[in-house]
Amino acid sequence: MIEVPATKFVKNFGQYREQVQREAIAITSHGRTSGYFLSEHEYMEYLQLKASSRKTYNVSELPDETISALATVEMDSAHDHLNSLMD
């Protein structure tokens, strides 16, 4: 991935619009990365990855159906021997 100062990116957008098809571009401002320029393909991959990632909740934010499912779940009897470890 290449890094480009924001001022250079703005002045040469056409060049970077072609280059982004080969690799992502980090846009910097005052020596720090402030964003990324991605091709449409990479952005779509990012959205799919984000949509398929695990969701985490604070207990108070759990959906009602998840709370109900957790309240009624039972461990498979094949694992009954693990209960003795809890004593």
PDB file of N, CA and C in Angstrom:
ATOM      1  N   MET A   1       0.844  -1.168   0.000  1.00  0.00           N
ATOM      2  CA  MET A   1       0.000   0.000   0.000  1.00  0.00           C
ATOM      3  C   MET A   1       0.891   1.232   0.000  1.00  0.00           C
ATOM      4  N   ILE A   2       0.532   2.168  -0.831  1.00  0.00           N
ATOM      5  CA  ILE A   2       1.312   3.397  -0.863  1.00  0.00           C
ATOM      6  C   ILE A   2       0.639   4.462   0.005  1.00  0.00           C
ATOM      7  N   GLU A   3       1.435   5.418   0.465  1.00  0.00           N
ATOM      8  CA  GLU A   3       0.931   6.554   1.237  1.00  0.00           C
ATOM      9  C   GLU A   3       1.137   7.812   0.411  1.00  0.00           C
ATOM     10  N   VAL A   4       0.129   8.654   0.388  1.00  0.00           N
ATOM     11  CA  VAL A   4       0.173   9.882  -0.398  1.00  0.00           C
ATOM     12  C   VAL A   4      -0.342  11.030   0.464  1.00  0.00           C
ATOM     13  N   PRO A   5       0.387  12.151   0.504  1.00  0.00           N
ATOM     14  CA  PRO A   5      -0.138  13.317   1.218  1.00  0.00           C
ATOM     15  C   PRO A   5      -1.433  13.800   0.558  1.00  0.00           C
ATOM     16  N   ALA A   6      -2.357  14.296   1.362  1.00  0.00           N
ATOM     17  CA  ALA A   6      -3.666  14.710   0.861  1.00  0.00           C
ATOM     18  C   ALA A   6      -3.556  15.748  -0.251  1.00  0.00           C
ATOM     19  N   THR A   7      -2.647  16.692  -0.124  1.00  0.00           N
ATOM     20  CA  THR A   7      -2.520  17.725  -1.161  1.00  0.00           C
ATOM     21  C   THR A   7      -2.094  17.127  -2.498  1.00  0.00           C
ATOM     22  N   LYS A   8      -1.168  16.180  -2.460  1.00  0.00           N
ATOM     23  CA  LYS A   8      -0.722  15.519  -3.687  1.00  0.00           C
ATOM     24  C   LYS A   8      -1.844  14.659  -4.271  1.00  0.00           C
ATOM     25  N   PHE A   9      -2.609  14.011  -3.398  1.00  0.00           N
ATOM     26  CA  PHE A   9      -3.731  13.184  -3.835  1.00  0.00           C
ATOM     27  C   PHE A   9      -4.758  14.031  -4.587  1.00  0.00           C
ATOM     28  N   VAL A  10      -5.095  15.192  -4.039  1.00  0.00           N
ATOM     29  CA  VAL A  10      -6.083  16.072  -4.672  1.00  0.00           C
ATOM     30  C   VAL A  10      -5.580  16.559  -6.029  1.00  0.00           C
ATOM     31  N   LYS A  11      -4.328  16.955  -6.090  1.00  0.00           N
ATOM     32  CA  LYS A  11      -3.762  17.489  -7.341  1.00  0.00           C
ATOM     33  C   LYS A  11      -3.656  16.431  -8.433  1.00  0.00           C
ATOM     34  N   ASN A  12      -3.458  15.180  -8.037  1.00  0.00           N
ATOM     35  CA  ASN A  12      -3.223  14.101  -9.007  1.00  0.00           C
ATOM     36  C   ASN A  12      -4.275  13.003  -8.905  1.00  0.00           C
ATOM     37  N   PHE A  13      -5.522  13.371  -8.627  1.00  0.00           N
ATOM     38  CA  PHE A  13      -6.578  12.386  -8.420  1.00  0.00           C
ATOM     39  C   PHE A  13      -6.695  11.402  -9.582  1.00  0.00           C
ATOM     40  N   GLY A  14      -6.623  11.888 -10.817  1.00  0.00           N
ATOM     41  CA  GLY A  14      -6.754  11.009 -11.984  1.00  0.00           C
ATOM     42  C   GLY A  14      -5.735   9.884 -11.981  1.00  0.00           C
ATOM     43  N   GLN A  15      -4.515  10.210 -11.616  1.00  0.00           N
ATOM     44  CA  GLN A  15      -3.447   9.195 -11.547  1.00  0.00           C
ATOM     45  C   GLN A  15      -3.775   8.147 -10.484  1.00  0.00           C
ATOM     46  N   TYR A  16      -4.222   8.605  -9.312  1.00  0.00           N
ATOM     47  CA  TYR A  16      -4.507   7.684  -8.216  1.00  0.00           C
ATOM     48  C   TYR A  16      -5.790   6.888  -8.455  1.00  0.00           C
ATOM     49  N   ARG A  17      -6.714   7.453  -9.224  1.00  0.00           N
ATOM     50  CA  ARG A  17      -7.944   6.732  -9.575  1.00  0.00           C
ATOM     51  C   ARG A  17      -7.605   5.475 -10.375  1.00  0.00           C
ATOM     52  N   GLU A  18      -6.584   5.549 -11.208  1.00  0.00           N
ATOM     53  CA  GLU A  18      -6.128   4.369 -11.958  1.00  0.00           C
ATOM     54  C   GLU A  18      -5.311   3.434 -11.067  1.00  0.00           C
ATOM     55  N   GLN A  19      -4.456   4.001 -10.246  1.00  0.00           N
ATOM     56  CA  GLN A  19      -3.571   3.196  -9.399  1.00  0.00           C
ATOM     57  C   GLN A  19      -4.342   2.405  -8.348  1.00  0.00           C
ATOM     58  N   VAL A  20      -5.466   2.945  -7.866  1.00  0.00           N
ATOM     59  CA  VAL A  20      -6.227   2.274  -6.818  1.00  0.00           C
ATOM     60  C   VAL A  20      -6.812   0.953  -7.307  1.00  0.00           C
ATOM     61  N   GLN A  21      -6.887   0.760  -8.608  1.00  0.00           N
ATOM     62  CA  GLN A  21      -7.372  -0.513  -9.143  1.00  0.00           C
ATOM     63  C   GLN A  21      -6.375  -1.636  -8.880  1.00  0.00           C
ATOM     64  N   ARG A  22      -5.118  -1.281  -8.602  1.00  0.00           N
ATOM     65  CA  ARG A  22      -4.074  -2.273  -8.327  1.00  0.00           C
ATOM     66  C   ARG A  22      -3.773  -2.428  -6.838  1.00  0.00           C
ATOM     67  N   GLU A  23      -3.917  -1.318  -6.081  1.00  0.00           N
ATOM     68  CA  GLU A  23      -3.625  -1.371  -4.651  1.00  0.00           C
ATOM     69  C   GLU A  23      -4.314  -0.212  -3.942  1.00  0.00           C
ATOM     70  N   ALA A  24      -4.608  -0.426  -2.664  1.00  0.00           N
ATOM     71  CA  ALA A  24      -5.230   0.623  -1.860  1.00  0.00           C
ATOM     72  C   ALA A  24      -4.227   1.744  -1.619  1.00  0.00           C
ATOM     73  N   ILE A  25      -4.728   2.940  -1.371  1.00  0.00           N
ATOM     74  CA  ILE A  25      -3.874   4.103  -1.149  1.00  0.00           C
ATOM     75  C   ILE A  25      -4.242   4.731   0.190  1.00  0.00           C
ATOM     76  N   ALA A  26      -3.237   4.913   1.041  1.00  0.00           N
ATOM     77  CA  ALA A  26      -3.429   5.596   2.319  1.00  0.00           C
ATOM     78  C   ALA A  26      -3.231   7.086   2.082  1.00  0.00           C
ATOM     79  N   ILE A  27      -4.185   7.898   2.519  1.00  0.00           N
ATOM     80  CA  ILE A  27      -4.096   9.345   2.380  1.00  0.00           C
ATOM     81  C   ILE A  27      -3.619   9.906   3.713  1.00  0.00           C
ATOM     82  N   THR A  28      -2.553  10.697   3.685  1.00  0.00           N
ATOM     83  CA  THR A  28      -1.994  11.235   4.916  1.00  0.00           C
ATOM     84  C   THR A  28      -2.166  12.749   4.993  1.00  0.00           C
ATOM     85  N   SER A  29      -2.187  13.216   6.213  1.00  0.00           N
ATOM     86  CA  SER A  29      -2.233  14.654   6.471  1.00  0.00           C
ATOM     87  C   SER A  29      -1.337  14.921   7.666  1.00  0.00           C
ATOM     88  N   HIS A  30      -0.364  15.771   7.487  1.00  0.00           N
ATOM     89  CA  HIS A  30       0.607  16.084   8.542  1.00  0.00           C
ATOM     90  C   HIS A  30       1.284  14.818   9.067  1.00  0.00           C
ATOM     91  N   GLY A  31       1.582  13.895   8.162  1.00  0.00           N
ATOM     92  CA  GLY A  31       2.316  12.687   8.525  1.00  0.00           C
ATOM     93  C   GLY A  31       1.488  11.572   9.145  1.00  0.00           C
ATOM     94  N   ARG A  32       0.188  11.774   9.277  1.00  0.00           N
ATOM     95  CA  ARG A  32      -0.676  10.753   9.878  1.00  0.00           C
ATOM     96  C   ARG A  32      -1.724  10.319   8.857  1.00  0.00           C
ATOM     97  N   THR A  33      -2.032   9.034   8.823  1.00  0.00           N
ATOM     98  CA  THR A  33      -3.051   8.526   7.913  1.00  0.00           C
ATOM     99  C   THR A  33      -4.413   9.044   8.338  1.00  0.00           C
ATOM    100  N   SER A  34      -5.117   9.655   7.373  1.00  0.00           N
ATOM    101  CA  SER A  34      -6.444  10.192   7.688  1.00  0.00           C
ATOM    102  C   SER A  34      -7.554   9.420   6.986  1.00  0.00           C
ATOM    103  N   GLY A  35      -7.205   8.564   6.035  1.00  0.00           N
ATOM    104  CA  GLY A  35      -8.213   7.758   5.345  1.00  0.00           C
ATOM    105  C   GLY A  35      -7.564   6.889   4.285  1.00  0.00           C
ATOM    106  N   TYR A  36      -8.402   6.115   3.611  1.00  0.00           N
ATOM    107  CA  TYR A  36      -7.921   5.202   2.581  1.00  0.00           C
ATOM    108  C   TYR A  36      -8.769   5.350   1.330  1.00  0.00           C
ATOM    109  N   PHE A  37      -8.138   5.213   0.195  1.00  0.00           N
ATOM    110  CA  PHE A  37      -8.823   5.235  -1.093  1.00  0.00           C
ATOM    111  C   PHE A  37      -8.788   3.802  -1.609  1.00  0.00           C
ATOM    112  N   LEU A  38      -9.975   3.225  -1.811  1.00  0.00           N
ATOM    113  CA  LEU A  38     -10.093   1.823  -2.222  1.00  0.00           C
ATOM    114  C   LEU A  38     -10.828   1.716  -3.543  1.00  0.00           C
ATOM    115  N   SER A  39     -10.536   0.637  -4.265  1.00  0.00           N
ATOM    116  CA  SER A  39     -11.311   0.341  -5.466  1.00  0.00           C
ATOM    117  C   SER A  39     -12.702  -0.133  -5.044  1.00  0.00           C
ATOM    118  N   GLU A  40     -13.635  -0.095  -5.982  1.00  0.00           N
ATOM    119  CA  GLU A  40     -14.988  -0.556  -5.677  1.00  0.00           C
ATOM    120  C   GLU A  40     -14.960  -2.018  -5.232  1.00  0.00           C
ATOM    121  N   HIS A  41     -14.149  -2.842  -5.900  1.00  0.00           N
ATOM    122  CA  HIS A  41     -14.057  -4.263  -5.568  1.00  0.00           C
ATOM    123  C   HIS A  41     -13.601  -4.458  -4.118  1.00  0.00           C
ATOM    124  N   GLU A  42     -12.546  -3.743  -3.709  1.00  0.00           N
ATOM    125  CA  GLU A  42     -12.056  -3.884  -2.338  1.00  0.00           C
ATOM    126  C   GLU A  42     -13.079  -3.382  -1.328  1.00  0.00           C
ATOM    127  N   TYR A  43     -13.776  -2.324  -1.673  1.00  0.00           N
ATOM    128  CA  TYR A  43     -14.791  -1.790  -0.767  1.00  0.00           C
ATOM    129  C   TYR A  43     -15.936  -2.792  -0.596  1.00  0.00           C
ATOM    130  N   MET A  44     -16.363  -3.425  -1.678  1.00  0.00           N
ATOM    131  CA  MET A  44     -17.428  -4.429  -1.594  1.00  0.00           C
ATOM    132  C   MET A  44     -16.977  -5.617  -0.739  1.00  0.00           C
ATOM    133  N   GLU A  45     -15.719  -6.036  -0.890  1.00  0.00           N
ATOM    134  CA  GLU A  45     -15.180  -7.112  -0.054  1.00  0.00           C
ATOM    135  C   GLU A  45     -15.207  -6.699   1.414  1.00  0.00           C
ATOM    136  N   TYR A  46     -14.841  -5.454   1.691  1.00  0.00           N
ATOM    137  CA  TYR A  46     -14.877  -4.944   3.059  1.00  0.00           C
ATOM    138  C   TYR A  46     -16.295  -4.998   3.626  1.00  0.00           C
ATOM    139  N   LEU A  47     -17.274  -4.557   2.849  1.00  0.00           N
ATOM    140  CA  LEU A  47     -18.655  -4.577   3.322  1.00  0.00           C
ATOM    141  C   LEU A  47     -19.133  -5.992   3.605  1.00  0.00           C
ATOM    142  N   GLN A  48     -18.758  -6.960   2.751  1.00  0.00           N
ATOM    143  CA  GLN A  48     -19.144  -8.353   2.982  1.00  0.00           C
ATOM    144  C   GLN A  48     -18.487  -8.884   4.251  1.00  0.00           C
ATOM    145  N   LEU A  49     -17.233  -8.577   4.442  1.00  0.00           N
ATOM    146  CA  LEU A  49     -16.519  -9.022   5.644  1.00  0.00           C
ATOM    147  C   LEU A  49     -17.145  -8.411   6.892  1.00  0.00           C
ATOM    148  N   LYS A  50     -17.443  -7.141   6.824  1.00  0.00           N
ATOM    149  CA  LYS A  50     -18.064  -6.465   7.961  1.00  0.00           C
ATOM    150  C   LYS A  50     -19.429  -7.063   8.282  1.00  0.00           C
ATOM    151  N   ALA A  51     -20.218  -7.385   7.258  1.00  0.00           N
ATOM    152  CA  ALA A  51     -21.550  -7.953   7.469  1.00  0.00           C
ATOM    153  C   ALA A  51     -21.480  -9.360   8.050  1.00  0.00           C
ATOM    154  N   SER A  52     -20.426 -10.090   7.728  1.00  0.00           N
ATOM    155  CA  SER A  52     -20.337 -11.474   8.200  1.00  0.00           C
ATOM    156  C   SER A  52     -19.568 -11.606   9.517  1.00  0.00           C
ATOM    157  N   SER A  53     -19.066 -10.500  10.034  1.00  0.00           N
ATOM    158  CA  SER A  53     -18.303 -10.583  11.282  1.00  0.00           C
ATOM    159  C   SER A  53     -19.238 -10.821  12.459  1.00  0.00           C
ATOM    160  N   ARG A  54     -18.679 -11.329  13.515  1.00  0.00           N
ATOM    161  CA  ARG A  54     -19.461 -11.604  14.717  1.00  0.00           C
ATOM    162  C   ARG A  54     -19.960 -10.303  15.313  1.00  0.00           C
ATOM    163  N   LYS A  55     -21.132 -10.371  15.868  1.00  0.00           N
ATOM    164  CA  LYS A  55     -21.712  -9.225  16.552  1.00  0.00           C
ATOM    165  C   LYS A  55     -21.534  -9.438  18.057  1.00  0.00           C
ATOM    166  N   THR A  56     -21.140  -8.420  18.762  1.00  0.00           N
ATOM    167  CA  THR A  56     -21.017  -8.503  20.208  1.00  0.00           C
ATOM    168  C   THR A  56     -21.992  -7.528  20.844  1.00  0.00           C
ATOM    169  N   TYR A  57     -22.496  -7.905  21.991  1.00  0.00           N
ATOM    170  CA  TYR A  57     -23.476  -7.086  22.692  1.00  0.00           C
ATOM    171  C   TYR A  57     -23.101  -6.989  24.156  1.00  0.00           C
ATOM    172  N   ASN A  58     -23.435  -5.894  24.759  1.00  0.00           N
ATOM    173  CA  ASN A  58     -23.447  -5.797  26.196  1.00  0.00           C
ATOM    174  C   ASN A  58     -24.682  -6.576  26.616  1.00  0.00           C
ATOM    175  N   VAL A  59     -24.685  -7.214  27.765  1.00  0.00           N
ATOM    176  CA  VAL A  59     -25.822  -8.032  28.187  1.00  0.00           C
ATOM    177  C   VAL A  59     -27.121  -7.235  28.124  1.00  0.00           C
ATOM    178  N   SER A  60     -27.076  -5.966  28.477  1.00  0.00           N
ATOM    179  CA  SER A  60     -28.293  -5.143  28.461  1.00  0.00           C
ATOM    180  C   SER A  60     -28.787  -4.854  27.044  1.00  0.00           C
ATOM    181  N   GLU A  61     -27.957  -5.099  26.041  1.00  0.00           N
ATOM    182  CA  GLU A  61     -28.328  -4.834  24.653  1.00  0.00           C
ATOM    183  C   GLU A  61     -28.783  -6.084  23.895  1.00  0.00           C
ATOM    184  N   LEU A  62     -28.755  -7.232  24.546  1.00  0.00           N
ATOM    185  CA  LEU A  62     -29.117  -8.466  23.853  1.00  0.00           C
ATOM    186  C   LEU A  62     -30.560  -8.431  23.374  1.00  0.00           C
ATOM    187  N   PRO A  63     -30.782  -8.886  22.140  1.00  0.00           N
ATOM    188  CA  PRO A  63     -32.163  -8.975  21.651  1.00  0.00           C
ATOM    189  C   PRO A  63     -32.956  -9.985  22.482  1.00  0.00           C
ATOM    190  N   ASP A  64     -34.257  -9.757  22.615  1.00  0.00           N
ATOM    191  CA  ASP A  64     -35.114 -10.629  23.429  1.00  0.00           C
ATOM    192  C   ASP A  64     -35.050 -12.084  22.980  1.00  0.00           C
ATOM    193  N   GLU A  65     -35.011 -12.329  21.667  1.00  0.00           N
ATOM    194  CA  GLU A  65     -34.974 -13.725  21.196  1.00  0.00           C
ATOM    195  C   GLU A  65     -33.672 -14.411  21.594  1.00  0.00           C
ATOM    196  N   THR A  66     -32.585 -13.664  21.696  1.00  0.00           N
ATOM    197  CA  THR A  66     -31.317 -14.253  22.140  1.00  0.00           C
ATOM    198  C   THR A  66     -31.391 -14.596  23.625  1.00  0.00           C
ATOM    199  N   ILE A  67     -31.969 -13.717  24.424  1.00  0.00           N
ATOM    200  CA  ILE A  67     -32.127 -13.983  25.859  1.00  0.00           C
ATOM    201  C   ILE A  67     -32.990 -15.227  26.072  1.00  0.00           C
ATOM    202  N   SER A  68     -34.081 -15.340  25.313  1.00  0.00           N
ATOM    203  CA  SER A  68     -34.955 -16.520  25.425  1.00  0.00           C
ATOM    204  C   SER A  68     -34.214 -17.785  25.034  1.00  0.00           C
ATOM    205  N   ALA A  69     -33.450 -17.721  23.965  1.00  0.00           N
ATOM    206  CA  ALA A  69     -32.701 -18.895  23.512  1.00  0.00           C
ATOM    207  C   ALA A  69     -31.668 -19.313  24.552  1.00  0.00           C
ATOM    208  N   LEU A  70     -30.988 -18.348  25.148  1.00  0.00           N
ATOM    209  CA  LEU A  70     -29.992 -18.673  26.173  1.00  0.00           C
ATOM    210  C   LEU A  70     -30.634 -19.252  27.427  1.00  0.00           C
ATOM    211  N   ALA A  71     -31.819 -18.788  27.771  1.00  0.00           N
ATOM    212  CA  ALA A  71     -32.501 -19.273  28.978  1.00  0.00           C
ATOM    213  C   ALA A  71     -32.965 -20.707  28.840  1.00  0.00           C
ATOM    214  N   THR A  72     -33.205 -21.173  27.634  1.00  0.00           N
ATOM    215  CA  THR A  72     -33.746 -22.522  27.437  1.00  0.00           C
ATOM    216  C   THR A  72     -32.725 -23.531  26.921  1.00  0.00           C
ATOM    217  N   VAL A  73     -31.518 -23.111  26.684  1.00  0.00           N
ATOM    218  CA  VAL A  73     -30.519 -24.015  26.111  1.00  0.00           C
ATOM    219  C   VAL A  73     -30.090 -25.075  27.130  1.00  0.00           C
ATOM    220  N   GLU A  74     -29.824 -26.265  26.642  1.00  0.00           N
ATOM    221  CA  GLU A  74     -29.328 -27.354  27.489  1.00  0.00           C
ATOM    222  C   GLU A  74     -28.113 -27.973  26.820  1.00  0.00           C
ATOM    223  N   MET A  75     -27.150 -28.368  27.657  1.00  0.00           N
ATOM    224  CA  MET A  75     -25.946 -28.989  27.137  1.00  0.00           C
ATOM    225  C   MET A  75     -26.242 -30.417  26.700  1.00  0.00           C
ATOM    226  N   ASP A  76     -25.591 -30.838  25.662  1.00  0.00           N
ATOM    227  CA  ASP A  76     -25.717 -32.203  25.176  1.00  0.00           C
ATOM    228  C   ASP A  76     -25.307 -33.161  26.297  1.00  0.00           C
ATOM    229  N   SER A  77     -26.059 -34.217  26.484  1.00  0.00           N
ATOM    230  CA  SER A  77     -25.779 -35.163  27.574  1.00  0.00           C
ATOM    231  C   SER A  77     -24.410 -35.837  27.425  1.00  0.00           C
ATOM    232  N   ALA A  78     -23.834 -35.792  26.269  1.00  0.00           N
ATOM    233  CA  ALA A  78     -22.491 -36.368  26.077  1.00  0.00           C
ATOM    234  C   ALA A  78     -21.452 -35.623  26.897  1.00  0.00           C
ATOM    235  N   HIS A  79     -21.800 -34.434  27.356  1.00  0.00           N
ATOM    236  CA  HIS A  79     -20.853 -33.627  28.123  1.00  0.00           C
ATOM    237  C   HIS A  79     -21.195 -33.567  29.617  1.00  0.00           C
ATOM    238  N   ASP A  80     -22.063 -34.461  30.075  1.00  0.00           N
ATOM    239  CA  ASP A  80     -22.468 -34.468  31.485  1.00  0.00           C
ATOM    240  C   ASP A  80     -21.276 -34.620  32.434  1.00  0.00           C
ATOM    241  N   HIS A  81     -20.255 -35.318  32.013  1.00  0.00           N
ATOM    242  CA  HIS A  81     -19.098 -35.533  32.876  1.00  0.00           C
ATOM    243  C   HIS A  81     -18.396 -34.207  33.228  1.00  0.00           C
ATOM    244  N   LEU A  82     -18.628 -33.162  32.453  1.00  0.00           N
ATOM    245  CA  LEU A  82     -18.006 -31.872  32.749  1.00  0.00           C
ATOM    246  C   LEU A  82     -18.645 -31.178  33.947  1.00  0.00           C
ATOM    247  N   ASN A  83     -19.868 -31.567  34.288  1.00  0.00           N
ATOM    248  CA  ASN A  83     -20.533 -30.960  35.435  1.00  0.00           C
ATOM    249  C   ASN A  83     -19.739 -31.174  36.723  1.00  0.00           C
ATOM    250  N   SER A  84     -19.050 -32.311  36.843  1.00  0.00           N
ATOM    251  CA  SER A  84     -18.280 -32.589  38.045  1.00  0.00           C
ATOM    252  C   SER A  84     -17.116 -31.586  38.216  1.00  0.00           C
ATOM    253  N   LEU A  85     -16.702 -30.991  37.130  1.00  0.00           N
ATOM    254  CA  LEU A  85     -15.630 -29.999  37.212  1.00  0.00           C
ATOM    255  C   LEU A  85     -16.097 -28.699  37.836  1.00  0.00           C
ATOM    256  N   MET A  86     -17.405 -28.484  37.854  1.00  0.00           N
ATOM    257  CA  MET A  86     -17.963 -27.260  38.403  1.00  0.00           C
ATOM    258  C   MET A  86     -18.106 -27.306  39.920  1.00  0.00           C
ATOM    259  N   ASP A  87     -17.955 -28.490  40.530  1.00  0.00           N
ATOM    260  CA  ASP A  87     -18.101 -28.633  41.994  1.00  0.00           C
ATOM    261  C   ASP A  87     -16.880 -28.164  42.721  1.00  0.00           C
TER     262      ASP A  87
END
